[in-house]
Amino acid sequence: MPTEKNDLHRGTLDMLILKVVASGPLHGYAIAQRLNQISKDYFQVPQGSLYPALHRLEERQWLDAEWKDTSTGREAKFYTLTNKGKKQLEAEVLGWERLSDAVSLILRTAD
């Protein structure tokens, strides 16, 4: 059964957001743009998915948020990774690498 390219494995969006924010403070729109840019247009995260995820990550204390002015003069919420978020990101990346390795082993198996 085919799936849409934007159907992310549960928790994957959270990990990707944490990874992008790890490089420095970003507002929501910039996070979405960065995910799209880095993934060469594969991840086009709609606002209806992005902002609930950012709110969830903030509630879990994996991200801090602060209202600041953007380069366009508008105010936006900028997100930064917390120490708790750094530890979570490390755990998520390790788990993803293990999953990826296991899937690769299966896919390389001869019939």
Protein backbone atom coordinates (compact mmCIF):
# COMPACT_ATOMS: atom_id res chain seq x y z
CA MET A 1 0.00 0.00 0.00
CA PRO A 2 1.67 3.26 -1.08
CA THR A 3 2.05 6.08 1.43
CA GLU A 4 2.44 9.80 0.99
CA LYS A 5 5.99 11.08 1.33
CA ASN A 6 4.88 13.33 4.18
CA ASP A 7 3.56 10.43 6.26
CA LEU A 8 6.29 10.51 8.88
CA HIS A 9 7.04 7.67 11.28
CA ARG A 10 5.57 8.70 14.62
CA GLY A 11 8.10 10.91 16.41
CA THR A 12 10.25 11.50 13.35
CA LEU A 13 9.05 15.08 12.92
CA ASP A 14 9.96 15.82 16.54
CA MET A 15 13.48 14.47 16.01
CA LEU A 16 13.93 16.46 12.79
CA ILE A 17 12.77 19.67 14.45
CA LEU A 18 15.15 19.11 17.37
CA LYS A 19 18.01 18.49 14.93
CA VAL A 20 17.33 21.65 12.93
CA VAL A 21 16.96 23.81 16.05
CA ALA A 22 20.20 22.37 17.48
CA SER A 23 22.12 24.60 15.05
CA GLY A 24 20.68 27.76 16.61
CA PRO A 25 17.47 29.69 17.38
CA LEU A 26 14.84 29.59 14.63
CA HIS A 27 11.21 30.58 14.29
CA GLY A 28 8.57 28.14 13.03
CA TYR A 29 8.54 29.25 9.40
CA ALA A 30 12.35 29.09 9.25
CA ILE A 31 12.27 25.58 10.74
CA ALA A 32 9.86 24.43 8.02
CA GLN A 33 12.00 26.07 5.32
CA ARG A 34 15.17 24.50 6.67
CA LEU A 35 13.62 21.01 6.78
CA ASN A 36 12.47 21.46 3.20
CA GLN A 37 15.85 22.80 2.07
CA ILE A 38 18.00 20.14 3.77
CA SER A 39 15.77 17.30 2.56
CA LYS A 40 15.82 18.66 -1.02
CA ASP A 41 12.04 19.30 -0.94
CA TYR A 42 11.18 15.88 0.52
CA PHE A 43 9.88 17.19 3.85
CA GLN A 44 7.28 19.87 3.24
CA VAL A 45 5.81 20.20 6.72
CA PRO A 46 2.41 21.90 6.80
CA GLN A 47 1.67 24.44 9.53
CA GLY A 48 -1.01 22.11 10.87
CA SER A 49 1.71 19.59 11.72
CA LEU A 50 4.60 21.91 12.54
CA TYR A 51 3.06 24.17 15.16
CA PRO A 52 1.43 21.40 17.23
CA ALA A 53 4.82 19.62 17.20
CA LEU A 54 6.61 22.79 18.35
CA HIS A 55 4.05 23.24 21.12
CA ARG A 56 4.47 19.59 22.19
CA LEU A 57 8.27 19.92 22.26
CA GLU A 58 7.99 23.08 24.32
CA GLU A 59 5.63 21.36 26.79
CA ARG A 60 8.11 18.49 27.15
CA GLN A 61 10.81 21.10 27.87
CA TRP A 62 12.87 19.96 24.92
CA LEU A 63 12.59 23.44 23.38
CA ASP A 64 12.52 26.90 24.89
CA ALA A 65 10.73 29.70 23.07
CA GLU A 66 11.11 33.46 23.13
CA TRP A 67 9.32 36.17 21.17
CA LYS A 68 11.77 38.27 19.11
CA ASP A 69 11.75 40.48 16.05
CA THR A 70 12.57 38.82 12.73
CA SER A 71 14.69 40.34 9.97
CA THR A 72 11.45 41.59 8.39
CA GLY A 73 10.52 43.49 11.54
CA ARG A 74 7.73 41.14 12.54
CA GLU A 75 7.64 39.43 15.89
CA ALA A 76 7.94 35.63 15.94
CA LYS A 77 8.51 32.89 18.47
CA PHE A 78 12.12 31.67 18.25
CA TYR A 79 12.88 28.16 19.47
CA THR A 80 16.11 26.94 21.06
CA LEU A 81 17.14 23.46 22.15
CA THR A 82 17.28 22.85 25.92
CA ASN A 83 19.72 20.50 27.66
CA LYS A 84 16.84 18.06 28.06
CA GLY A 85 16.17 18.44 24.33
CA LYS A 86 19.83 17.70 23.50
CA LYS A 87 19.66 14.46 25.46
CA GLN A 88 16.38 13.54 23.77
CA LEU A 89 17.84 14.28 20.34
CA GLU A 90 20.82 12.02 21.04
CA ALA A 91 18.46 9.20 22.10
CA GLU A 92 16.21 9.74 19.07
CA VAL A 93 19.14 9.72 16.63
CA LEU A 94 20.53 6.52 18.17
CA GLY A 95 17.12 4.85 17.92
CA TRP A 96 16.68 6.01 14.32
CA GLU A 97 20.14 4.72 13.37
CA ARG A 98 19.35 1.30 14.88
CA LEU A 99 16.01 1.17 13.04
CA SER A 100 17.65 2.23 9.77
CA ASP A 101 20.38 -0.40 10.14
CA ALA A 102 17.82 -3.13 10.84
CA VAL A 103 15.68 -2.14 7.85
CA SER A 104 18.76 -2.04 5.62
CA LEU A 105 19.74 -5.56 6.70
CA ILE A 106 16.29 -6.83 5.78
CA LEU A 107 16.23 -5.02 2.43
CA ARG A 108 19.64 -6.44 1.48
CA THR A 109 18.51 -10.00 2.19
CA ALA A 110 18.39 -12.14 -0.94
CA ASP A 111 15.07 -13.84 -1.69
